[in-house]
Amino acid sequence: MILAHFKIFCYTVGMKTNGRAIILCGIKHCGKSTQGKKISEELKLDFYDTDDLIYDQTGLDARSLYKSQGKEAFMQAELKACQFLQESLKSAAVIATGGGICENQEAVKILKEIGTIVYLEIAEKAAADRIVREAKFLADGSIQNLPAYIANKNPANEKEVRELFHSFYIERTQKYKSLANVTILMQGSSRFKNMKKILRALEALES
């Protein structure tokens, strides 16, 4: 029983003594929140989402804060969310981070101190397809509901959205792989199988 051993040894006894958390990172739509909740239920650990903490602390969701107050204000709020976790966690937990956490060096430094960073890698096309599905292409030629890093470039059509995302994807993938303790490819499997894949990878780090 791999998961049972992992749960008892690594995340009940071990993590209560060393304060390690499971920290999920990756670009938008990679499954951080979904997997975070499933893992927290499986291991009976508390679950936190840094975007939820930002909302609790500022009264704004992550996208609205970034759009209304800018990148620096957002990164400060993200850092404060991570500082809250650092100060508050007394035992193991599961944490889902925002899609741009890799750009926030101070926040990443805190996360590395409190936990094991798991990069959930999603195929570029799958992520781009989800962004396009969520976008609203209006009759006047404008496009709404795009991530800020794409919207700020004012793409004129779906083709330009995908081209802008390509450059972003390559850059972010390299950054996430460089900071993560383990990388998990999130495709071609059910949510349950992906969860088991994550837990097995974490167990391997402990061996």
Protein backbone atom coordinates (compact mmCIF):
# COMPACT_ATOMS: atom_id res chain seq x y z
CA MET A 1 0.00 0.00 0.00
CA ILE A 2 2.16 2.83 -1.30
CA LEU A 3 -0.22 5.69 -0.47
CA ALA A 4 -0.90 4.45 3.04
CA HIS A 5 2.81 4.25 3.81
CA PHE A 6 3.36 7.67 2.30
CA LYS A 7 0.54 9.20 4.29
CA ILE A 8 1.54 7.80 7.66
CA PHE A 9 5.28 8.17 7.39
CA CYS A 10 5.84 11.30 5.37
CA TYR A 11 2.87 13.50 6.08
CA THR A 12 1.68 12.63 9.53
CA VAL A 13 4.79 11.91 11.55
CA GLY A 14 7.57 13.45 9.48
CA MET A 15 5.93 16.65 8.36
CA LYS A 16 4.58 17.58 11.78
CA THR A 17 8.15 17.66 13.00
CA ASN A 18 9.81 19.45 10.06
CA GLY A 19 6.91 21.62 8.83
CA ARG A 20 7.15 20.56 5.19
CA ALA A 21 4.21 21.27 2.92
CA ILE A 22 3.27 19.98 -0.52
CA ILE A 23 3.34 23.03 -2.80
CA LEU A 24 1.80 22.75 -6.26
CA CYS A 25 2.85 25.18 -8.95
CA GLY A 26 2.41 25.59 -12.70
CA ILE A 27 0.70 27.74 -15.29
CA LYS A 28 -3.03 28.42 -15.28
CA HIS A 29 -5.22 25.39 -15.98
CA CYS A 30 -2.59 22.80 -15.04
CA GLY A 31 -4.72 21.42 -12.19
CA LYS A 32 -3.13 22.94 -9.08
CA SER A 33 -6.33 23.60 -7.17
CA THR A 34 -8.04 20.40 -8.29
CA GLN A 35 -5.08 18.21 -7.36
CA GLY A 36 -4.42 20.20 -4.20
CA LYS A 37 -7.91 19.49 -2.90
CA LYS A 38 -7.73 15.81 -3.85
CA ILE A 39 -4.33 15.36 -2.18
CA SER A 40 -5.45 17.18 0.97
CA GLU A 41 -8.48 14.91 1.20
CA GLU A 42 -6.40 11.79 0.58
CA LEU A 43 -3.79 12.70 3.19
CA LYS A 44 -6.20 14.49 5.56
CA LEU A 45 -4.22 17.72 5.42
CA ASP A 46 -5.34 21.34 5.33
CA PHE A 47 -5.53 22.93 1.88
CA TYR A 48 -4.60 26.52 1.01
CA ASP A 49 -4.75 28.44 -2.26
CA THR A 50 -2.59 31.56 -2.42
CA ASP A 51 -5.13 33.26 -4.70
CA ASP A 52 -7.81 32.68 -2.04
CA LEU A 53 -5.51 34.15 0.60
CA ILE A 54 -4.93 37.20 -1.61
CA TYR A 55 -8.68 37.68 -1.83
CA ASP A 56 -9.08 37.31 1.93
CA GLN A 57 -6.35 39.88 2.56
CA THR A 58 -7.19 42.45 -0.14
CA GLY A 59 -10.85 41.93 -1.01
CA LEU A 60 -9.89 41.47 -4.67
CA ASP A 61 -9.41 38.34 -6.72
CA ALA A 62 -5.98 37.87 -8.27
CA ARG A 63 -6.94 39.00 -11.77
CA SER A 64 -8.79 42.12 -10.56
CA LEU A 65 -5.91 43.10 -8.28
CA TYR A 66 -3.35 42.72 -11.07
CA LYS A 67 -5.51 44.66 -13.51
CA SER A 68 -6.45 47.51 -11.17
CA GLN A 69 -3.23 47.98 -9.18
CA GLY A 70 -0.51 46.52 -11.37
CA LYS A 71 2.12 43.81 -11.22
CA GLU A 72 4.08 45.14 -8.24
CA ALA A 73 1.00 45.43 -6.02
CA PHE A 74 -0.05 41.94 -6.99
CA MET A 75 3.39 40.49 -6.25
CA GLN A 76 3.40 42.16 -2.84
CA ALA A 77 0.01 40.65 -2.07
CA GLU A 78 1.28 37.25 -3.24
CA LEU A 79 4.33 37.62 -1.00
CA LYS A 80 2.14 38.49 1.98
CA ALA A 81 0.05 35.39 1.34
CA CYS A 82 3.20 33.25 1.45
CA GLN A 83 4.41 35.03 4.58
CA PHE A 84 1.06 34.25 6.20
CA LEU A 85 1.56 30.57 5.41
CA GLN A 86 5.11 30.62 6.73
CA GLU A 87 3.97 32.14 10.01
CA SER A 88 0.76 30.14 10.38
CA LEU A 89 1.54 26.56 9.39
CA LYS A 90 2.32 24.35 12.36
CA SER A 91 2.10 21.03 10.51
CA ALA A 92 1.93 19.63 7.00
CA ALA A 93 -0.45 21.16 4.46
CA VAL A 94 -1.15 21.26 0.73
CA ILE A 95 -0.74 24.60 -1.04
CA ALA A 96 -1.82 25.61 -4.56
CA THR A 97 -0.03 28.67 -5.88
CA GLY A 98 -0.91 31.24 -8.52
CA GLY A 99 0.20 30.71 -12.10
CA GLY A 100 2.85 33.42 -11.95
CA ILE A 101 4.51 32.52 -8.66
CA CYS A 102 7.73 31.65 -10.50
CA GLU A 103 8.21 35.37 -11.21
CA ASN A 104 8.06 36.28 -7.52
CA GLN A 105 11.51 35.42 -6.17
CA GLU A 106 10.80 36.48 -2.58
CA ALA A 107 7.64 34.39 -2.45
CA VAL A 108 9.43 31.40 -4.00
CA LYS A 109 12.17 31.66 -1.39
CA ILE A 110 9.57 31.33 1.37
CA LEU A 111 7.86 28.41 -0.33
CA LYS A 112 11.15 26.54 -0.66
CA GLU A 113 11.69 26.99 3.07
CA ILE A 114 8.30 25.59 4.07
CA GLY A 115 7.75 22.80 1.58
CA THR A 116 8.47 20.59 -1.40
CA ILE A 117 7.65 22.25 -4.71
CA VAL A 118 5.83 20.14 -7.30
CA TYR A 119 5.58 21.49 -10.83
CA LEU A 120 2.47 20.27 -12.64
CA GLU A 121 3.41 20.45 -16.31
CA ILE A 122 0.62 20.63 -18.86
CA ALA A 123 1.03 20.36 -22.64
CA GLU A 124 1.12 23.74 -24.39
CA LYS A 125 -1.84 23.00 -26.68
CA ALA A 126 -4.04 21.84 -23.82
CA ALA A 127 -3.34 25.01 -21.83
CA ALA A 128 -3.80 27.28 -24.86
CA ASP A 129 -7.08 25.57 -25.78
CA ARG A 130 -8.46 26.25 -22.31
CA ILE A 131 -7.44 29.92 -22.48
CA VAL A 132 -9.13 30.29 -25.87
CA ARG A 133 -12.29 28.56 -24.60
CA GLU A 134 -12.54 31.01 -21.69
CA ALA A 135 -11.86 34.08 -23.83
CA LYS A 136 -14.70 36.19 -25.20
CA PHE A 137 -14.19 37.29 -28.81
CA LEU A 138 -16.48 40.31 -29.28
CA ALA A 139 -18.00 41.70 -32.46
CA ASP A 140 -15.94 44.91 -32.21
CA GLY A 141 -12.73 42.86 -32.48
CA SER A 142 -11.79 43.09 -28.82
CA ILE A 143 -11.07 40.03 -26.70
CA GLN A 144 -12.09 39.79 -23.06
CA ASN A 145 -11.28 37.41 -20.20
CA LEU A 146 -7.70 36.78 -21.24
CA PRO A 147 -4.84 36.38 -18.73
CA ALA A 148 -3.18 39.74 -18.10
CA TYR A 149 0.13 38.72 -19.69
CA ILE A 150 -1.72 38.13 -22.98
CA ALA A 151 -4.31 40.92 -22.71
CA ASN A 152 -1.56 43.50 -22.17
CA LYS A 153 -0.19 42.69 -25.64
CA ASN A 154 -3.56 43.47 -27.26
CA PRO A 155 -3.90 40.40 -29.53
CA ALA A 156 -6.21 40.90 -32.49
CA ASN A 157 -7.40 37.33 -32.94
CA GLU A 158 -7.09 33.74 -31.72
CA LYS A 159 -3.93 33.15 -33.75
CA GLU A 160 -2.17 36.02 -31.97
CA VAL A 161 -3.43 34.79 -28.60
CA ARG A 162 -1.82 31.41 -29.24
CA GLU A 163 1.42 32.97 -30.50
CA LEU A 164 1.73 35.14 -27.40
CA PHE A 165 0.97 32.17 -25.20
CA HIS A 166 3.69 30.10 -26.92
CA SER A 167 6.46 32.51 -25.88
CA PHE A 168 5.02 32.70 -22.38
CA TYR A 169 4.75 28.91 -22.10
CA ILE A 170 8.38 28.30 -23.08
CA GLU A 171 9.66 30.89 -20.59
CA ARG A 172 7.46 29.76 -17.71
CA THR A 173 8.18 26.07 -18.27
CA GLN A 174 11.91 26.68 -17.94
CA LYS A 175 11.44 28.72 -14.77
CA TYR A 176 9.16 26.20 -13.10
CA LYS A 177 11.41 23.26 -13.88
CA SER A 178 14.40 25.12 -12.44
CA LEU A 179 12.73 25.84 -9.09
CA ALA A 180 10.72 22.63 -8.57
CA ASN A 181 11.82 19.61 -6.57
CA VAL A 182 9.83 17.34 -8.86
CA THR A 183 7.97 17.70 -12.18
CA ILE A 184 4.76 15.81 -13.00
CA LEU A 185 3.37 15.64 -16.56
CA MET A 186 -0.37 16.23 -16.29
CA GLN A 187 -1.94 14.65 -19.35
CA GLY A 188 -3.57 11.48 -20.57
CA SER A 189 -4.70 10.36 -17.11
CA SER A 190 -7.69 10.74 -14.82
CA ARG A 191 -7.54 13.14 -11.87
CA PHE A 192 -7.20 10.19 -9.52
CA LYS A 193 -4.31 8.68 -11.49
CA ASN A 194 -2.58 12.05 -11.63
CA MET A 195 -2.94 12.34 -7.85
CA LYS A 196 -1.32 8.94 -7.37
CA LYS A 197 1.45 9.96 -9.76
CA ILE A 198 2.16 13.04 -7.62
CA LEU A 199 2.19 11.05 -4.38
CA ARG A 200 4.51 8.40 -5.79
CA ALA A 201 6.93 11.08 -6.97
CA LEU A 202 6.92 12.68 -3.53
CA GLU A 203 7.48 9.34 -1.87
CA ALA A 204 10.48 8.76 -4.16
CA LEU A 205 12.02 12.00 -2.89
CA GLU A 206 11.83 10.65 0.65
CA SER A 207 13.52 7.33 -0.18
